[in-house]
Amino acid sequence: MTKMRQRKRARKLTNLLGTTLAASMAWSVAARAADCPRKGTLGTSRILSVDAATTPRIGLKNFPQTLPLEDHEVVLTFDDGPWPPTTPRVLAALAQECVRATFFLIGKPASEHSALVRWIAADGHTIGHHTWLHRSLMQIPASETREEIDRGIAADEMALHGVATTTPSTPFFRFPGFETTPATLDLLQSRGIAVFGADLWASDWNPMTPSHELKLLTDRLRAARKGIILLHDPKAPTAAMLPAFLRYLKDHHYRVVHLVPAAPRVDFDGVP
């Protein structure tokens, strides 16, 4: 290739990259503007990419580090779905306020309610993984832990994309009951899957009224001022409480951060 052709090709590539970047930025701004067409809603303030290579374990209730959130920033996460009686109510509350969250799904109900899984994704939420049957990975035989993890991932991916792969499209995982083992933590880290704990929660696995749950959660948030919040979309009191909690966030000037996986790293030849 002559130097003239090389220069022309370089200019063409530069122009293409510039056009693509500009289009991407325009799309991003448009998408954010279109996220919340109704004025006065809570909305989603920003998107935060999570890279398992740099933050393999996240959440101060469980690990030494958490996400780099600013004061009055929160991340909403929901475990144990999908569950048809309540997950649609949670999705409706989030959609009403144009808020995006992360749902850690159990594989078996995901396989049984694939349309609901796709609804979660279609609403713009991030889907992580929460095993196949929600068994404690500390209590079952070590020989079964990999299958429990992989079968859950495969079921979620099948519901989402029609392919039962054990390589998650979103490499986010949360242990049932936060019950980790060194071996399972190492396994997930070796596969580039970020493990999520939490910074605070509503304790909604305990029986309580929606008003009690709201007070418990807002008291804890006032003390923490920010963080990853754990809730459970199959819990009816949580589904009933959520609209009031979102109003609380809006009224007290909290900002919601939406989590997405970081883009795969590539070398200069474009190879991951």
C-alpha atoms as a PDB file:
ATOM      1  CA  MET A   1       0.000   0.000   0.000  1.00  0.00           C
ATOM      2  CA  THR A   2       1.396   3.443  -0.988  1.00  0.00           C
ATOM      3  CA  LYS A   3       1.807   6.267   1.510  1.00  0.00           C
ATOM      4  CA  MET A   4      -0.931   8.243  -0.281  1.00  0.00           C
ATOM      5  CA  ARG A   5      -3.388   5.360   0.064  1.00  0.00           C
ATOM      6  CA  GLN A   6      -2.388   4.894   3.708  1.00  0.00           C
ATOM      7  CA  ARG A   7      -3.062   8.575   4.441  1.00  0.00           C
ATOM      8  CA  LYS A   8      -6.430   8.417   2.681  1.00  0.00           C
ATOM      9  CA  ARG A   9      -7.368   5.281   4.598  1.00  0.00           C
ATOM     10  CA  ALA A  10      -6.309   6.899   7.890  1.00  0.00           C
ATOM     11  CA  ARG A  11      -8.399  10.003   7.145  1.00  0.00           C
ATOM     12  CA  LYS A  12     -11.364   7.840   6.206  1.00  0.00           C
ATOM     13  CA  LEU A  13     -11.057   5.844   9.419  1.00  0.00           C
ATOM     14  CA  THR A  14     -10.713   9.026  11.477  1.00  0.00           C
ATOM     15  CA  ASN A  15     -13.803  10.532   9.852  1.00  0.00           C
ATOM     16  CA  LEU A  16     -15.742   7.310  10.366  1.00  0.00           C
ATOM     17  CA  LEU A  17     -14.783   7.139  14.027  1.00  0.00           C
ATOM     18  CA  GLY A  18     -15.674  10.791  14.502  1.00  0.00           C
ATOM     19  CA  THR A  19     -19.053  10.320  12.845  1.00  0.00           C
ATOM     20  CA  THR A  20     -19.736   7.192  14.876  1.00  0.00           C
ATOM     21  CA  LEU A  21     -18.735   8.911  18.109  1.00  0.00           C
ATOM     22  CA  ALA A  22     -20.887  11.936  17.344  1.00  0.00           C
ATOM     23  CA  ALA A  23     -23.836   9.713  16.493  1.00  0.00           C
ATOM     24  CA  SER A  24     -23.270   7.705  19.654  1.00  0.00           C
ATOM     25  CA  MET A  25     -23.148  10.856  21.773  1.00  0.00           C
ATOM     26  CA  ALA A  26     -26.275  12.224  20.102  1.00  0.00           C
ATOM     27  CA  TRP A  27     -28.069   8.910  20.663  1.00  0.00           C
ATOM     28  CA  SER A  28     -26.972   8.885  24.313  1.00  0.00           C
ATOM     29  CA  VAL A  29     -28.258  12.414  24.919  1.00  0.00           C
ATOM     30  CA  ALA A  30     -31.490  11.644  23.108  1.00  0.00           C
ATOM     31  CA  ALA A  31     -31.932   8.422  25.044  1.00  0.00           C
ATOM     32  CA  ARG A  32     -31.442  10.167  28.354  1.00  0.00           C
ATOM     33  CA  ALA A  33     -33.864  12.926  27.340  1.00  0.00           C
ATOM     34  CA  ALA A  34     -36.418  10.338  26.242  1.00  0.00           C
ATOM     35  CA  ASP A  35     -35.975   8.260  29.369  1.00  0.00           C
ATOM     36  CA  CYS A  36     -38.373  10.477  31.297  1.00  0.00           C
ATOM     37  CA  PRO A  37     -40.940  12.241  29.114  1.00  0.00           C
ATOM     38  CA  ARG A  38     -42.989  13.272  32.151  1.00  0.00           C
ATOM     39  CA  LYS A  39     -41.819  16.307  34.068  1.00  0.00           C
ATOM     40  CA  GLY A  40     -41.355  16.106  37.806  1.00  0.00           C
ATOM     41  CA  THR A  41     -40.346  12.451  37.936  1.00  0.00           C
ATOM     42  CA  LEU A  42     -37.362  11.034  39.800  1.00  0.00           C
ATOM     43  CA  GLY A  43     -35.614   9.743  36.685  1.00  0.00           C
ATOM     44  CA  THR A  44     -32.241   8.060  36.362  1.00  0.00           C
ATOM     45  CA  SER A  45     -29.406  10.524  36.863  1.00  0.00           C
ATOM     46  CA  ARG A  46     -26.490   8.663  35.305  1.00  0.00           C
ATOM     47  CA  ILE A  47     -25.191   5.330  34.075  1.00  0.00           C
ATOM     48  CA  LEU A  48     -22.254   3.662  35.816  1.00  0.00           C
ATOM     49  CA  SER A  49     -20.244   0.935  34.080  1.00  0.00           C
ATOM     50  CA  VAL A  50     -19.015  -1.850  36.352  1.00  0.00           C
ATOM     51  CA  ASP A  51     -15.865  -3.706  35.373  1.00  0.00           C
ATOM     52  CA  ALA A  52     -15.370  -7.044  37.114  1.00  0.00           C
ATOM     53  CA  ALA A  53     -11.633  -6.797  36.486  1.00  0.00           C
ATOM     54  CA  THR A  54     -11.287  -3.725  38.695  1.00  0.00           C
ATOM     55  CA  THR A  55     -14.232  -4.221  41.053  1.00  0.00           C
ATOM     56  CA  PRO A  56     -14.779  -7.976  41.356  1.00  0.00           C
ATOM     57  CA  ARG A  57     -16.653  -7.748  44.694  1.00  0.00           C
ATOM     58  CA  ILE A  58     -18.947  -4.886  45.574  1.00  0.00           C
ATOM     59  CA  GLY A  59     -20.981  -3.824  48.605  1.00  0.00           C
ATOM     60  CA  LEU A  60     -19.904  -2.729  52.084  1.00  0.00           C
ATOM     61  CA  LYS A  61     -22.214  -5.128  53.895  1.00  0.00           C
ATOM     62  CA  ASN A  62     -20.134  -7.939  52.452  1.00  0.00           C
ATOM     63  CA  PHE A  63     -16.835  -6.689  51.061  1.00  0.00           C
ATOM     64  CA  PRO A  64     -14.252  -3.957  51.757  1.00  0.00           C
ATOM     65  CA  GLN A  65     -15.219  -1.867  48.727  1.00  0.00           C
ATOM     66  CA  THR A  66     -18.319  -0.603  46.973  1.00  0.00           C
ATOM     67  CA  LEU A  67     -19.211   1.505  43.955  1.00  0.00           C
ATOM     68  CA  PRO A  68     -17.906   5.077  43.617  1.00  0.00           C
ATOM     69  CA  LEU A  69     -21.217   6.736  44.397  1.00  0.00           C
ATOM     70  CA  GLU A  70     -21.519  10.376  45.330  1.00  0.00           C
ATOM     71  CA  ASP A  71     -23.479  11.694  48.285  1.00  0.00           C
ATOM     72  CA  HIS A  72     -27.235  11.129  47.774  1.00  0.00           C
ATOM     73  CA  GLU A  73     -26.723   8.637  44.953  1.00  0.00           C
ATOM     74  CA  VAL A  74     -28.423   5.245  45.160  1.00  0.00           C
ATOM     75  CA  VAL A  75     -28.507   2.061  43.111  1.00  0.00           C
ATOM     76  CA  LEU A  76     -31.723   0.042  43.275  1.00  0.00           C
ATOM     77  CA  THR A  77     -31.387  -3.735  43.075  1.00  0.00           C
ATOM     78  CA  PHE A  78     -34.055  -6.436  43.306  1.00  0.00           C
ATOM     79  CA  ASP A  79     -33.514 -10.127  44.078  1.00  0.00           C
ATOM     80  CA  ASP A  80     -35.398 -13.396  43.680  1.00  0.00           C
ATOM     81  CA  GLY A  81     -37.630 -12.645  40.694  1.00  0.00           C
ATOM     82  CA  PRO A  82     -39.251 -12.894  38.368  1.00  0.00           C
ATOM     83  CA  TRP A  83     -42.563 -13.405  40.144  1.00  0.00           C
ATOM     84  CA  PRO A  84     -45.774 -12.645  38.177  1.00  0.00           C
ATOM     85  CA  PRO A  85     -47.946 -11.488  41.113  1.00  0.00           C
ATOM     86  CA  THR A  86     -45.525  -8.732  42.149  1.00  0.00           C
ATOM     87  CA  THR A  87     -42.733  -8.070  39.642  1.00  0.00           C
ATOM     88  CA  PRO A  88     -45.122  -6.245  37.240  1.00  0.00           C
ATOM     89  CA  ARG A  89     -46.126  -3.932  40.103  1.00  0.00           C
ATOM     90  CA  VAL A  90     -42.466  -3.166  40.774  1.00  0.00           C
ATOM     91  CA  LEU A  91     -41.857  -2.531  37.072  1.00  0.00           C
ATOM     92  CA  ALA A  92     -44.874  -0.228  36.896  1.00  0.00           C
ATOM     93  CA  ALA A  93     -43.640   1.826  39.868  1.00  0.00           C
ATOM     94  CA  LEU A  94     -40.170   2.148  38.348  1.00  0.00           C
ATOM     95  CA  ALA A  95     -41.587   3.057  34.926  1.00  0.00           C
ATOM     96  CA  GLN A  96     -43.843   5.714  36.445  1.00  0.00           C
ATOM     97  CA  GLU A  97     -40.760   7.486  37.808  1.00  0.00           C
ATOM     98  CA  CYS A  98     -38.489   6.613  34.841  1.00  0.00           C
ATOM     99  CA  VAL A  99     -36.095   4.759  37.140  1.00  0.00           C
ATOM    100  CA  ARG A 100     -33.840   1.902  36.079  1.00  0.00           C
ATOM    101  CA  ALA A 101     -32.687  -0.845  38.407  1.00  0.00           C
ATOM    102  CA  THR A 102     -30.784  -4.140  38.442  1.00  0.00           C
ATOM    103  CA  PHE A 103     -32.684  -7.412  38.857  1.00  0.00           C
ATOM    104  CA  PHE A 104     -30.838 -10.509  40.082  1.00  0.00           C
ATOM    105  CA  LEU A 105     -32.982 -13.358  38.755  1.00  0.00           C
ATOM    106  CA  ILE A 106     -33.337 -16.930  39.937  1.00  0.00           C
ATOM    107  CA  GLY A 107     -32.996 -19.307  37.019  1.00  0.00           C
ATOM    108  CA  LYS A 108     -35.980 -21.586  37.605  1.00  0.00           C
ATOM    109  CA  PRO A 109     -38.655 -18.863  37.740  1.00  0.00           C
ATOM    110  CA  ALA A 110     -36.869 -17.105  34.871  1.00  0.00           C
ATOM    111  CA  SER A 111     -37.282 -20.261  32.792  1.00  0.00           C
ATOM    112  CA  GLU A 112     -40.966 -20.435  33.740  1.00  0.00           C
ATOM    113  CA  HIS A 113     -41.733 -16.756  33.102  1.00  0.00           C
ATOM    114  CA  SER A 114     -39.516 -15.827  30.174  1.00  0.00           C
ATOM    115  CA  ALA A 115     -41.929 -13.166  28.920  1.00  0.00           C
ATOM    116  CA  LEU A 116     -41.580 -11.374  32.241  1.00  0.00           C
ATOM    117  CA  VAL A 117     -37.784 -11.582  32.002  1.00  0.00           C
ATOM    118  CA  ARG A 118     -37.936  -9.958  28.578  1.00  0.00           C
ATOM    119  CA  TRP A 119     -40.287  -7.294  29.961  1.00  0.00           C
ATOM    120  CA  ILE A 120     -37.709  -6.408  32.617  1.00  0.00           C
ATOM    121  CA  ALA A 121     -35.039  -6.071  29.947  1.00  0.00           C
ATOM    122  CA  ALA A 122     -37.326  -4.169  27.559  1.00  0.00           C
ATOM    123  CA  ASP A 123     -37.921  -1.572  30.272  1.00  0.00           C
ATOM    124  CA  GLY A 124     -34.191  -0.884  30.266  1.00  0.00           C
ATOM    125  CA  HIS A 125     -33.264  -2.623  33.495  1.00  0.00           C
ATOM    126  CA  THR A 126     -30.075  -4.624  33.951  1.00  0.00           C
ATOM    127  CA  ILE A 127     -30.389  -8.363  34.560  1.00  0.00           C
ATOM    128  CA  GLY A 128     -27.934 -10.164  36.815  1.00  0.00           C
ATOM    129  CA  HIS A 129     -27.903 -13.727  38.113  1.00  0.00           C
ATOM    130  CA  HIS A 130     -28.875 -15.356  41.403  1.00  0.00           C
ATOM    131  CA  THR A 131     -28.396 -19.146  40.896  1.00  0.00           C
ATOM    132  CA  TRP A 132     -30.875 -21.755  39.693  1.00  0.00           C
ATOM    133  CA  LEU A 133     -32.851 -22.561  42.852  1.00  0.00           C
ATOM    134  CA  HIS A 134     -31.609 -19.977  45.390  1.00  0.00           C
ATOM    135  CA  ARG A 135     -29.856 -22.647  47.416  1.00  0.00           C
ATOM    136  CA  SER A 136     -27.146 -21.567  49.814  1.00  0.00           C
ATOM    137  CA  LEU A 137     -23.795 -22.176  48.162  1.00  0.00           C
ATOM    138  CA  MET A 138     -22.326 -22.648  51.628  1.00  0.00           C
ATOM    139  CA  GLN A 139     -24.714 -25.462  52.493  1.00  0.00           C
ATOM    140  CA  ILE A 140     -24.769 -27.586  49.357  1.00  0.00           C
ATOM    141  CA  PRO A 141     -21.906 -29.927  48.396  1.00  0.00           C
ATOM    142  CA  ALA A 142     -19.013 -28.158  46.714  1.00  0.00           C
ATOM    143  CA  SER A 143     -19.430 -30.454  43.724  1.00  0.00           C
ATOM    144  CA  GLU A 144     -22.877 -28.924  43.080  1.00  0.00           C
ATOM    145  CA  THR A 145     -22.049 -25.233  43.382  1.00  0.00           C
ATOM    146  CA  ARG A 146     -20.828 -24.741  39.818  1.00  0.00           C
ATOM    147  CA  GLU A 147     -23.959 -26.403  38.416  1.00  0.00           C
ATOM    148  CA  GLU A 148     -26.194 -24.236  40.623  1.00  0.00           C
ATOM    149  CA  ILE A 149     -24.474 -21.106  39.319  1.00  0.00           C
ATOM    150  CA  ASP A 150     -24.242 -22.161  35.683  1.00  0.00           C
ATOM    151  CA  ARG A 151     -27.734 -23.567  35.397  1.00  0.00           C
ATOM    152  CA  GLY A 152     -29.122 -20.300  36.743  1.00  0.00           C
ATOM    153  CA  ILE A 153     -27.098 -18.231  34.278  1.00  0.00           C
ATOM    154  CA  ALA A 154     -28.109 -20.486  31.384  1.00  0.00           C
ATOM    155  CA  ALA A 155     -31.797 -20.237  32.287  1.00  0.00           C
ATOM    156  CA  ASP A 156     -31.653 -16.437  32.493  1.00  0.00           C
ATOM    157  CA  GLU A 157     -29.826 -16.222  29.158  1.00  0.00           C
ATOM    158  CA  MET A 158     -32.299 -18.603  27.543  1.00  0.00           C
ATOM    159  CA  ALA A 159     -35.220 -16.486  28.727  1.00  0.00           C
ATOM    160  CA  LEU A 160     -33.529 -13.316  27.518  1.00  0.00           C
ATOM    161  CA  HIS A 161     -31.878 -14.329  24.279  1.00  0.00           C
ATOM    162  CA  GLY A 162     -33.009 -17.846  23.423  1.00  0.00           C
ATOM    163  CA  VAL A 163     -29.543 -19.322  23.986  1.00  0.00           C
ATOM    164  CA  ALA A 164     -28.732 -21.387  27.090  1.00  0.00           C
ATOM    165  CA  THR A 165     -25.166 -20.195  27.525  1.00  0.00           C
ATOM    166  CA  THR A 166     -23.239 -20.178  30.788  1.00  0.00           C
ATOM    167  CA  THR A 167     -21.395 -17.041  29.676  1.00  0.00           C
ATOM    168  CA  PRO A 168     -23.583 -14.231  31.000  1.00  0.00           C
ATOM    169  CA  SER A 169     -24.347 -11.296  28.732  1.00  0.00           C
ATOM    170  CA  THR A 170     -24.308  -9.212  31.918  1.00  0.00           C
ATOM    171  CA  PRO A 171     -21.590 -10.598  34.227  1.00  0.00           C
ATOM    172  CA  PHE A 172     -23.261  -9.604  37.499  1.00  0.00           C
ATOM    173  CA  PHE A 173     -23.970 -12.173  40.236  1.00  0.00           C
ATOM    174  CA  ARG A 174     -25.362 -12.089  43.754  1.00  0.00           C
ATOM    175  CA  PHE A 175     -25.107 -15.002  46.168  1.00  0.00           C
ATOM    176  CA  PRO A 176     -28.308 -16.214  47.825  1.00  0.00           C
ATOM    177  CA  GLY A 177     -28.216 -14.911  51.368  1.00  0.00           C
ATOM    178  CA  PHE A 178     -24.777 -13.426  50.588  1.00  0.00           C
ATOM    179  CA  GLU A 179     -23.396 -16.835  51.576  1.00  0.00           C
ATOM    180  CA  THR A 180     -20.081 -16.999  49.766  1.00  0.00           C
ATOM    181  CA  THR A 181     -17.172 -19.400  49.906  1.00  0.00           C
ATOM    182  CA  PRO A 182     -13.571 -18.706  48.899  1.00  0.00           C
ATOM    183  CA  ALA A 183     -13.870 -21.271  46.107  1.00  0.00           C
ATOM    184  CA  THR A 184     -17.026 -19.780  44.589  1.00  0.00           C
ATOM    185  CA  LEU A 185     -15.681 -16.238  44.882  1.00  0.00           C
ATOM    186  CA  ASP A 186     -12.514 -17.303  43.095  1.00  0.00           C
ATOM    187  CA  LEU A 187     -14.533 -19.146  40.455  1.00  0.00           C
ATOM    188  CA  LEU A 188     -16.618 -16.095  39.591  1.00  0.00           C
ATOM    189  CA  GLN A 189     -13.630 -13.780  39.597  1.00  0.00           C
ATOM    190  CA  SER A 190     -11.749 -16.110  37.256  1.00  0.00           C
ATOM    191  CA  ARG A 191     -14.684 -15.912  34.841  1.00  0.00           C
ATOM    192  CA  GLY A 192     -14.893 -12.116  34.940  1.00  0.00           C
ATOM    193  CA  ILE A 193     -18.189 -12.002  36.833  1.00  0.00           C
ATOM    194  CA  ALA A 194     -18.676  -9.216  39.379  1.00  0.00           C
ATOM    195  CA  VAL A 195     -20.142 -10.309  42.719  1.00  0.00           C
ATOM    196  CA  PHE A 196     -22.620  -7.908  44.292  1.00  0.00           C
ATOM    197  CA  GLY A 197     -23.362  -7.524  47.946  1.00  0.00           C
ATOM    198  CA  ALA A 198     -25.197  -4.411  49.134  1.00  0.00           C
ATOM    199  CA  ASP A 199     -24.645  -1.272  51.172  1.00  0.00           C
ATOM    200  CA  LEU A 200     -28.057  -1.267  52.863  1.00  0.00           C
ATOM    201  CA  TRP A 201     -31.368  -3.059  52.702  1.00  0.00           C
ATOM    202  CA  ALA A 202     -34.951  -2.992  53.900  1.00  0.00           C
ATOM    203  CA  SER A 203     -34.840  -6.444  55.542  1.00  0.00           C
ATOM    204  CA  ASP A 204     -37.916  -7.234  53.471  1.00  0.00           C
ATOM    205  CA  TRP A 205     -37.372 -10.966  53.905  1.00  0.00           C
ATOM    206  CA  ASN A 206     -38.990 -10.432  57.315  1.00  0.00           C
ATOM    207  CA  PRO A 207     -42.774 -10.041  57.613  1.00  0.00           C
ATOM    208  CA  MET A 208     -43.728  -6.367  57.899  1.00  0.00           C
ATOM    209  CA  THR A 209     -46.200  -3.836  56.598  1.00  0.00           C
ATOM    210  CA  PRO A 210     -45.322  -1.548  53.691  1.00  0.00           C
ATOM    211  CA  SER A 211     -45.290   1.466  56.034  1.00  0.00           C
ATOM    212  CA  HIS A 212     -42.908  -0.283  58.439  1.00  0.00           C
ATOM    213  CA  GLU A 213     -40.642  -1.258  55.565  1.00  0.00           C
ATOM    214  CA  LEU A 214     -40.636   2.305  54.241  1.00  0.00           C
ATOM    215  CA  LYS A 215     -39.643   3.727  57.608  1.00  0.00           C
ATOM    216  CA  LEU A 216     -36.935   1.124  58.120  1.00  0.00           C
ATOM    217  CA  LEU A 217     -35.462   1.758  54.695  1.00  0.00           C
ATOM    218  CA  THR A 218     -35.585   5.552  54.841  1.00  0.00           C
ATOM    219  CA  ASP A 219     -34.061   5.579  58.327  1.00  0.00           C
ATOM    220  CA  ARG A 220     -31.171   3.476  57.080  1.00  0.00           C
ATOM    221  CA  LEU A 221     -30.734   5.605  53.990  1.00  0.00           C
ATOM    222  CA  ARG A 222     -30.637   8.801  56.038  1.00  0.00           C
ATOM    223  CA  ALA A 223     -27.773   7.303  58.011  1.00  0.00           C
ATOM    224  CA  ALA A 224     -25.877   5.956  54.992  1.00  0.00           C
ATOM    225  CA  ARG A 225     -26.674   8.880  52.640  1.00  0.00           C
ATOM    226  CA  LYS A 226     -25.927   6.742  49.566  1.00  0.00           C
ATOM    227  CA  GLY A 227     -25.394   3.173  48.437  1.00  0.00           C
ATOM    228  CA  ILE A 228     -26.533  -0.014  46.745  1.00  0.00           C
ATOM    229  CA  ILE A 229     -29.983  -0.852  48.082  1.00  0.00           C
ATOM    230  CA  LEU A 230     -31.250  -4.435  48.190  1.00  0.00           C
ATOM    231  CA  LEU A 231     -34.969  -5.149  47.790  1.00  0.00           C
ATOM    232  CA  HIS A 232     -36.965  -8.212  46.697  1.00  0.00           C
ATOM    233  CA  ASP A 233     -39.532  -7.869  43.929  1.00  0.00           C
ATOM    234  CA  PRO A 234     -41.446 -11.067  44.891  1.00  0.00           C
ATOM    235  CA  LYS A 235     -42.323  -9.498  48.261  1.00  0.00           C
ATOM    236  CA  ALA A 236     -45.801  -7.943  48.206  1.00  0.00           C
ATOM    237  CA  PRO A 237     -45.017  -5.349  50.913  1.00  0.00           C
ATOM    238  CA  THR A 238     -42.023  -4.188  48.857  1.00  0.00           C
ATOM    239  CA  ALA A 239     -44.126  -3.836  45.718  1.00  0.00           C
ATOM    240  CA  ALA A 240     -46.694  -1.864  47.725  1.00  0.00           C
ATOM    241  CA  MET A 241     -44.038   0.294  49.413  1.00  0.00           C
ATOM    242  CA  LEU A 242     -42.006   1.126  46.317  1.00  0.00           C
ATOM    243  CA  PRO A 243     -44.034   4.080  44.928  1.00  0.00           C
ATOM    244  CA  ALA A 244     -43.795   5.861  48.290  1.00  0.00           C
ATOM    245  CA  PHE A 245     -40.068   5.141  48.509  1.00  0.00           C
ATOM    246  CA  LEU A 246     -39.459   6.570  45.039  1.00  0.00           C
ATOM    247  CA  ARG A 247     -41.384   9.696  46.074  1.00  0.00           C
ATOM    248  CA  TYR A 248     -39.174   9.914  49.159  1.00  0.00           C
ATOM    249  CA  LEU A 249     -36.062   9.747  47.002  1.00  0.00           C
ATOM    250  CA  LYS A 250     -37.376  12.504  44.765  1.00  0.00           C
ATOM    251  CA  ASP A 251     -38.534  14.738  47.616  1.00  0.00           C
ATOM    252  CA  HIS A 252     -35.193  14.400  49.428  1.00  0.00           C
ATOM    253  CA  HIS A 253     -33.067  15.029  46.330  1.00  0.00           C
ATOM    254  CA  TYR A 254     -31.595  11.563  45.911  1.00  0.00           C
ATOM    255  CA  ARG A 255     -30.347  10.540  42.477  1.00  0.00           C
ATOM    256  CA  VAL A 256     -30.651   7.062  40.982  1.00  0.00           C
ATOM    257  CA  VAL A 257     -27.636   5.498  39.249  1.00  0.00           C
ATOM    258  CA  HIS A 258     -28.156   2.726  36.717  1.00  0.00           C
ATOM    259  CA  LEU A 259     -25.553  -0.043  36.470  1.00  0.00           C
ATOM    260  CA  VAL A 260     -24.368  -1.625  33.234  1.00  0.00           C
ATOM    261  CA  PRO A 261     -21.416  -3.934  32.499  1.00  0.00           C
ATOM    262  CA  ALA A 262     -18.253  -2.342  31.209  1.00  0.00           C
ATOM    263  CA  ALA A 263     -17.486  -2.940  27.567  1.00  0.00           C
ATOM    264  CA  PRO A 264     -15.111  -5.856  26.942  1.00  0.00           C
ATOM    265  CA  ARG A 265     -11.495  -4.804  26.752  1.00  0.00           C
ATOM    266  CA  VAL A 266      -9.829  -5.200  23.372  1.00  0.00           C
ATOM    267  CA  ASP A 267      -6.284  -4.967  22.151  1.00  0.00           C
ATOM    268  CA  PHE A 268      -5.167  -2.856  19.212  1.00  0.00           C
ATOM    269  CA  ASP A 269      -6.140  -5.592  16.758  1.00  0.00           C
ATOM    270  CA  GLY A 270      -9.717  -5.534  18.024  1.00  0.00           C
ATOM    271  CA  VAL A 271      -9.377  -8.886  19.788  1.00  0.00           C
ATOM    272  CA  PRO A 272     -10.925  -9.194  23.297  1.00  0.00           C
END
